[in-house]
Every structure is written in structure tokens, then in C-alpha cells.
Protein backbone atom coordinates (compact mmCIF):
# COMPACT_ATOMS: atom_id res chain seq x y z
CA MET A 1 -10.93 -14.31 -15.65
CA LYS A 2 -12.22 -13.18 -19.03
CA LYS A 3 -10.94 -9.90 -20.39
CA GLU A 4 -14.43 -8.37 -20.64
CA ILE A 5 -15.02 -9.06 -16.93
CA ALA A 6 -11.63 -7.53 -16.06
CA VAL A 7 -12.47 -4.43 -18.13
CA GLU A 8 -15.88 -4.19 -16.44
CA ASN A 9 -14.39 -4.53 -12.94
CA LEU A 10 -11.64 -2.00 -13.60
CA ASP A 11 -14.03 0.50 -15.20
CA ARG A 12 -16.36 0.24 -12.20
CA VAL A 13 -13.56 0.83 -9.68
CA ILE A 14 -12.14 3.74 -11.72
CA THR A 15 -15.61 5.32 -11.95
CA GLN A 16 -16.06 5.06 -8.17
CA VAL A 17 -12.56 6.42 -7.51
CA GLU A 18 -13.10 9.31 -9.93
CA ALA A 19 -16.36 10.30 -8.25
CA ALA A 20 -14.79 10.06 -4.78
CA ARG A 21 -11.65 12.03 -5.67
CA LEU A 22 -13.60 14.79 -7.43
CA ARG A 23 -15.66 15.26 -4.28
CA VAL A 24 -12.34 16.07 -2.56
CA SER A 25 -10.78 18.15 -5.36
CA GLU A 26 -10.19 17.94 -9.08
CA HIS A 27 -6.47 18.08 -8.24
CA HIS A 28 -6.67 15.08 -5.88
CA ILE A 29 -5.08 12.10 -7.65
CA VAL A 30 -5.62 8.55 -6.34
CA LYS A 31 -3.43 5.58 -7.28
CA ILE A 32 -5.09 2.15 -7.48
CA ILE A 33 -3.11 -0.92 -6.36
CA GLY A 34 -4.69 -4.23 -7.41
CA ILE A 35 -4.22 -6.74 -4.59
CA SER A 36 -3.69 -10.06 -6.33
CA LYS A 37 -3.05 -12.35 -3.33
CA TYR A 38 -6.07 -14.59 -4.06
CA SER A 39 -5.56 -14.54 -7.82
CA ASP A 40 -3.15 -16.21 -10.19
CA ALA A 41 -0.70 -14.72 -12.67
CA SER A 42 -3.10 -15.13 -15.60
CA ASP A 43 -5.69 -12.95 -13.82
CA VAL A 44 -3.02 -10.29 -13.24
CA ALA A 45 -2.12 -10.46 -16.95
CA THR A 46 -5.79 -10.08 -17.89
CA LEU A 47 -6.18 -7.01 -15.69
CA TYR A 48 -2.96 -5.63 -17.16
CA SER A 49 -4.48 -5.98 -20.64
CA ALA A 50 -7.51 -4.07 -19.31
CA GLY A 51 -5.23 -1.21 -18.23
CA GLN A 52 -4.22 -1.88 -14.61
CA ARG A 53 -0.48 -1.52 -13.96
CA ALA A 54 0.19 -1.64 -10.19
CA PHE A 55 -0.31 -4.85 -8.21
CA GLY A 56 0.31 -5.82 -4.60
CA GLU A 57 1.15 -9.09 -2.88
CA ASN A 58 1.27 -9.87 0.82
CA LYS A 59 3.66 -12.84 0.74
CA VAL A 60 7.25 -12.60 -0.49
CA GLN A 61 7.11 -16.04 -2.17
CA ASP A 62 3.92 -15.12 -4.07
CA LEU A 63 5.43 -11.83 -5.20
CA LYS A 64 8.48 -13.73 -6.45
CA ALA A 65 6.44 -16.34 -8.31
CA LYS A 66 4.07 -13.91 -10.02
CA SER A 67 6.68 -11.27 -10.85
CA GLU A 68 8.90 -13.93 -12.43
CA GLU A 69 6.01 -15.48 -14.38
CA LEU A 70 4.96 -12.05 -15.66
CA ASP A 71 8.47 -10.74 -16.15
CA GLU A 72 7.80 -9.64 -19.74
CA LEU A 73 5.07 -7.19 -18.61
CA PRO A 74 6.07 -3.73 -17.30
CA LEU A 75 4.20 -4.20 -14.00
CA GLU A 76 4.65 -2.16 -10.84
CA TRP A 77 4.83 -4.54 -7.86
CA HIS A 78 4.00 -3.50 -4.29
CA PHE A 79 4.56 -5.52 -1.13
CA VAL A 80 1.64 -5.02 1.24
CA GLY A 81 1.94 -7.86 3.76
CA ARG A 82 3.69 -8.21 7.07
CA LEU A 83 7.43 -8.47 6.47
CA GLN A 84 9.24 -11.14 8.49
CA LYS A 85 12.89 -10.42 9.17
CA ASN A 86 14.00 -13.75 7.69
CA LYS A 87 12.39 -12.78 4.36
CA ILE A 88 13.99 -9.32 4.07
CA ASN A 89 16.85 -10.39 1.78
CA ASN A 90 14.46 -12.24 -0.52
CA LEU A 91 12.25 -9.15 -0.80
CA ILE A 92 15.19 -6.83 -1.47
CA ASP A 93 16.22 -9.07 -4.39
CA LEU A 94 12.74 -8.67 -5.91
CA ASN A 95 13.12 -4.88 -5.86
CA PRO A 96 9.44 -3.94 -5.34
CA THR A 97 8.30 -0.43 -6.28
CA LEU A 98 7.00 0.17 -2.75
CA ILE A 99 6.81 -1.67 0.58
CA HIS A 100 3.61 -0.61 2.37
CA SER A 101 4.16 -2.44 5.65
CA LEU A 102 7.14 -1.04 7.52
CA ASP A 103 5.48 -1.56 10.89
CA SER A 104 8.19 -0.72 13.46
CA LEU A 105 11.45 1.14 13.94
CA ASP A 106 13.11 -2.20 14.67
CA LEU A 107 12.05 -3.60 11.28
CA ALA A 108 13.17 -0.42 9.53
CA GLN A 109 16.64 -0.67 11.09
CA GLU A 110 16.95 -4.33 10.15
CA LEU A 111 15.83 -3.61 6.58
CA ASN A 112 18.25 -0.69 6.31
CA LYS A 113 21.14 -2.86 7.54
CA LYS A 114 20.44 -5.49 4.88
CA LEU A 115 19.95 -2.85 2.17
CA GLU A 116 23.32 -1.34 3.07
CA ALA A 117 24.96 -4.76 2.80
CA LYS A 118 23.54 -5.16 -0.71
CA ASN A 119 24.19 -1.50 -1.62
CA LYS A 120 20.52 -0.99 -2.49
CA LYS A 121 17.71 1.40 -1.60
CA LEU A 122 13.97 0.73 -1.34
CA SER A 123 10.90 2.95 -1.09
CA CYS A 124 8.65 2.27 1.90
CA LEU A 125 5.58 3.48 3.77
CA LEU A 126 5.41 3.52 7.56
CA GLN A 127 2.42 1.48 8.73
CA VAL A 128 0.31 3.20 11.41
CA ASN A 129 -2.10 1.29 13.62
CA SER A 130 -4.53 4.20 13.65
CA ALA A 131 -7.39 2.29 15.28
CA LYS A 132 -5.05 0.88 17.95
CA GLU A 133 -6.30 -2.65 17.35
CA ASP A 134 -4.45 -5.66 18.76
CA SER A 135 -5.14 -7.59 15.56
CA LYS A 136 -3.10 -5.11 13.49
CA THR A 137 0.57 -4.25 13.35
CA GLY A 138 1.96 -0.77 12.92
CA VAL A 139 3.24 2.07 15.05
CA MET A 140 0.87 3.87 17.40
CA PRO A 141 -0.47 7.17 15.99
CA GLU A 142 1.07 9.22 18.80
CA ASP A 143 4.52 7.75 17.99
CA ALA A 144 4.27 7.86 14.20
CA ILE A 145 5.83 11.26 13.52
CA ASP A 146 8.82 10.69 15.83
CA ILE A 147 9.43 7.22 14.36
CA TYR A 148 9.11 8.57 10.81
CA LYS A 149 11.72 11.24 11.58
CA THR A 150 14.02 8.67 13.21
CA ILE A 151 13.86 6.42 10.13
CA LEU A 152 14.64 9.42 7.90
CA GLU A 153 17.64 10.28 10.07
CA THR A 154 19.04 6.81 10.76
CA CYS A 155 18.08 4.64 7.78
CA PRO A 156 19.58 6.26 4.68
CA ASN A 157 18.87 3.25 2.44
CA ILE A 158 15.13 3.47 3.08
CA LYS A 159 13.30 6.06 1.01
CA LEU A 160 10.23 6.90 3.09
CA LYS A 161 7.34 7.90 0.84
CA GLY A 162 4.53 8.36 3.37
CA ILE A 163 2.28 6.21 5.50
CA MET A 164 -0.19 3.34 5.28
CA SER A 165 -3.00 2.18 7.52
CA ILE A 166 -5.90 -0.24 7.51
CA GLY A 167 -9.28 1.17 8.49
CA ALA A 168 -10.79 0.22 11.85
CA HIS A 169 -12.38 -3.24 11.89
CA SER A 170 -15.90 -2.09 12.61
CA GLU A 171 -19.38 -2.07 11.08
CA ASP A 172 -19.74 1.48 12.40
CA ARG A 173 -18.65 3.75 9.54
CA SER A 174 -18.00 6.64 11.93
CA ILE A 175 -15.35 4.55 13.74
CA VAL A 176 -13.74 3.62 10.40
CA LYS A 177 -13.83 7.26 9.34
CA GLU A 178 -12.19 8.34 12.59
CA SER A 179 -9.28 5.93 11.97
CA PHE A 180 -8.81 7.35 8.46
CA ILE A 181 -8.88 10.93 9.72
CA THR A 182 -6.25 10.03 12.34
CA THR A 183 -3.99 8.65 9.59
CA ASN A 184 -4.51 11.62 7.31
CA ASN A 185 -3.73 14.08 10.12
CA ILE A 186 -0.38 12.34 10.59
CA TYR A 187 0.24 12.36 6.82
CA THR A 188 -0.47 16.10 6.64
CA GLN A 189 2.15 16.74 9.33
CA LEU A 190 4.65 14.64 7.35
CA LEU A 191 4.21 16.53 4.06
CA PRO A 192 7.06 18.95 4.87
CA LEU A 193 9.29 15.87 5.31
CA GLY A 194 8.57 14.69 1.77
CA ALA A 195 5.66 12.32 2.39
CA LYS A 196 3.94 11.56 -0.91
CA TYR A 197 1.46 8.77 -0.20
CA CYS A 198 -1.35 8.32 2.28
CA SER A 199 -2.24 4.70 1.51
CA MET A 200 -5.57 3.74 3.05
CA GLY A 201 -8.77 2.17 1.86
CA MET A 202 -9.58 -1.32 0.59
CA SER A 203 -12.46 -2.83 -1.41
CA SER A 204 -15.03 -2.27 1.35
CA ASP A 205 -14.12 1.28 2.33
CA PHE A 206 -11.99 3.00 -0.31
CA GLU A 207 -14.55 5.70 -1.10
CA LEU A 208 -14.66 6.71 2.56
CA ALA A 209 -10.84 6.61 2.70
CA ILE A 210 -10.57 8.91 -0.32
CA ALA A 211 -13.05 11.32 1.30
CA CYS A 212 -10.68 11.38 4.29
CA GLY A 213 -7.63 12.18 2.13
CA SER A 214 -6.28 8.85 0.87
CA ASN A 215 -4.33 9.08 -2.38
CA MET A 216 -3.52 5.37 -2.72
CA ILE A 217 -6.00 2.52 -2.33
CA ARG A 218 -5.50 -1.25 -2.19
CA VAL A 219 -8.35 -3.16 -3.83
CA GLY A 220 -8.52 -6.90 -4.40
CA SER A 221 -11.96 -8.51 -4.51
CA THR A 222 -13.62 -5.67 -6.45
CA LEU A 223 -11.03 -5.95 -9.23
CA PHE A 224 -10.58 -9.71 -9.34
CA ILE A 225 -14.18 -10.84 -8.84
CA ASP A 226 -15.13 -13.15 -11.69
């Protein structure tokens, strides 16, 4: 990827995010995570030189490879994929800024146990399956608040920072919007418990997600398109 293309892509996304957030409020800040799963380390470096700092990977081995290759850059790495229990120790060693995909109480307890053993703490988001789709993981919306509280109470080595969801898989924007509103309603109820991030919205729907209250988006193709 050439630097001028990276600058163009990033400027376009920032312009769209700015317009969307200002429609919510001038005080509404949105963090952009560049999802680099289909891109190589040189593309990440190019986007870094264009001004992007936070990147997300959905496989532990890819996060390891790219973070090691780009070790000299002060990047902020996020893990956004499904976390398998046998990869927990490997992920802990990489010390990501944020894990977006804590998708069950069981996984949280297993992660906490392994964090305790290593005397480490990690920041995480609870994944909510807001559209209740079989193809997605995450806790059910009606269980999310209780599970969030249980993790806070029983998993001291996990620093819960909010919630994440993926918009409904539908061509009908009203159905996608409904899933985002469901997530944001849960997030609003978690604010008194210290929730900071409502991570929702990807390349195809981030403007709608921001309109529904998202303050963290995960964009890949729109940033890395050559």
C-alpha cells in the first residue's frame, strides 16, 4: 500500500466519523481501530505513518507476528477475534491494549485464572450477541448486565472497560439499527459500573453505529483498500 493511498483512506474514514459523531454531539469522541487481519505488517506501518495508531487482529498468531515485526513502532494492539482457551496464555504474553471478545462468563473465569497465575491484568470488553444470531458468539442481551457484574465481582485480574457487539447480519438497516440500540441500552446501564467503551460498527455500518451511540469502531477494508 502506498502512503498516499493510506493517507487518502484514513482521511476519508476520519471525515465520515467526524460527521457522524458531530450529529450525536460535539463531545462524543469515537476511537478508530484499524482491523489488519487481511493486511501485512508493511500495510500497518504505512497506515501508522499516515497517522493511525490502534490496530486489531482476530488471530493470536497473527497478532504475535505483526506486533513483533513492528515492535519499534508505538502501536496500540487490540484482539478482536474469538479467543480459544488453549490460546489464552499466548495472548496474555502479548499484552494487548484491549480484548474485545470476552464472549462468556466461562471464558472470563478461565482468562482470570491464567492472569492470576502470571500475576497480570488485562482490559477487556464483554461481547454481547445483541441480534441473537446463531452465527455469532457473545452473551444474550438479557443476561449481559448480570454477567458483567459477576465478572467485576469474581475476576479481579480482568479490567472490564465496556461492551462490544457486531451489528445484525441483515440488509435491512432498521434491523441492524435495532441491534445497535440494544447494545447501547446495555452500555448506558453499565456506565455507573465504569464502562468506558461501546464498541460497535464496522466498515459497512459504522456511521449507523455511531448514530446509535458507539464510541469505538472496527474498520478494516475501508482503511486497507489499495
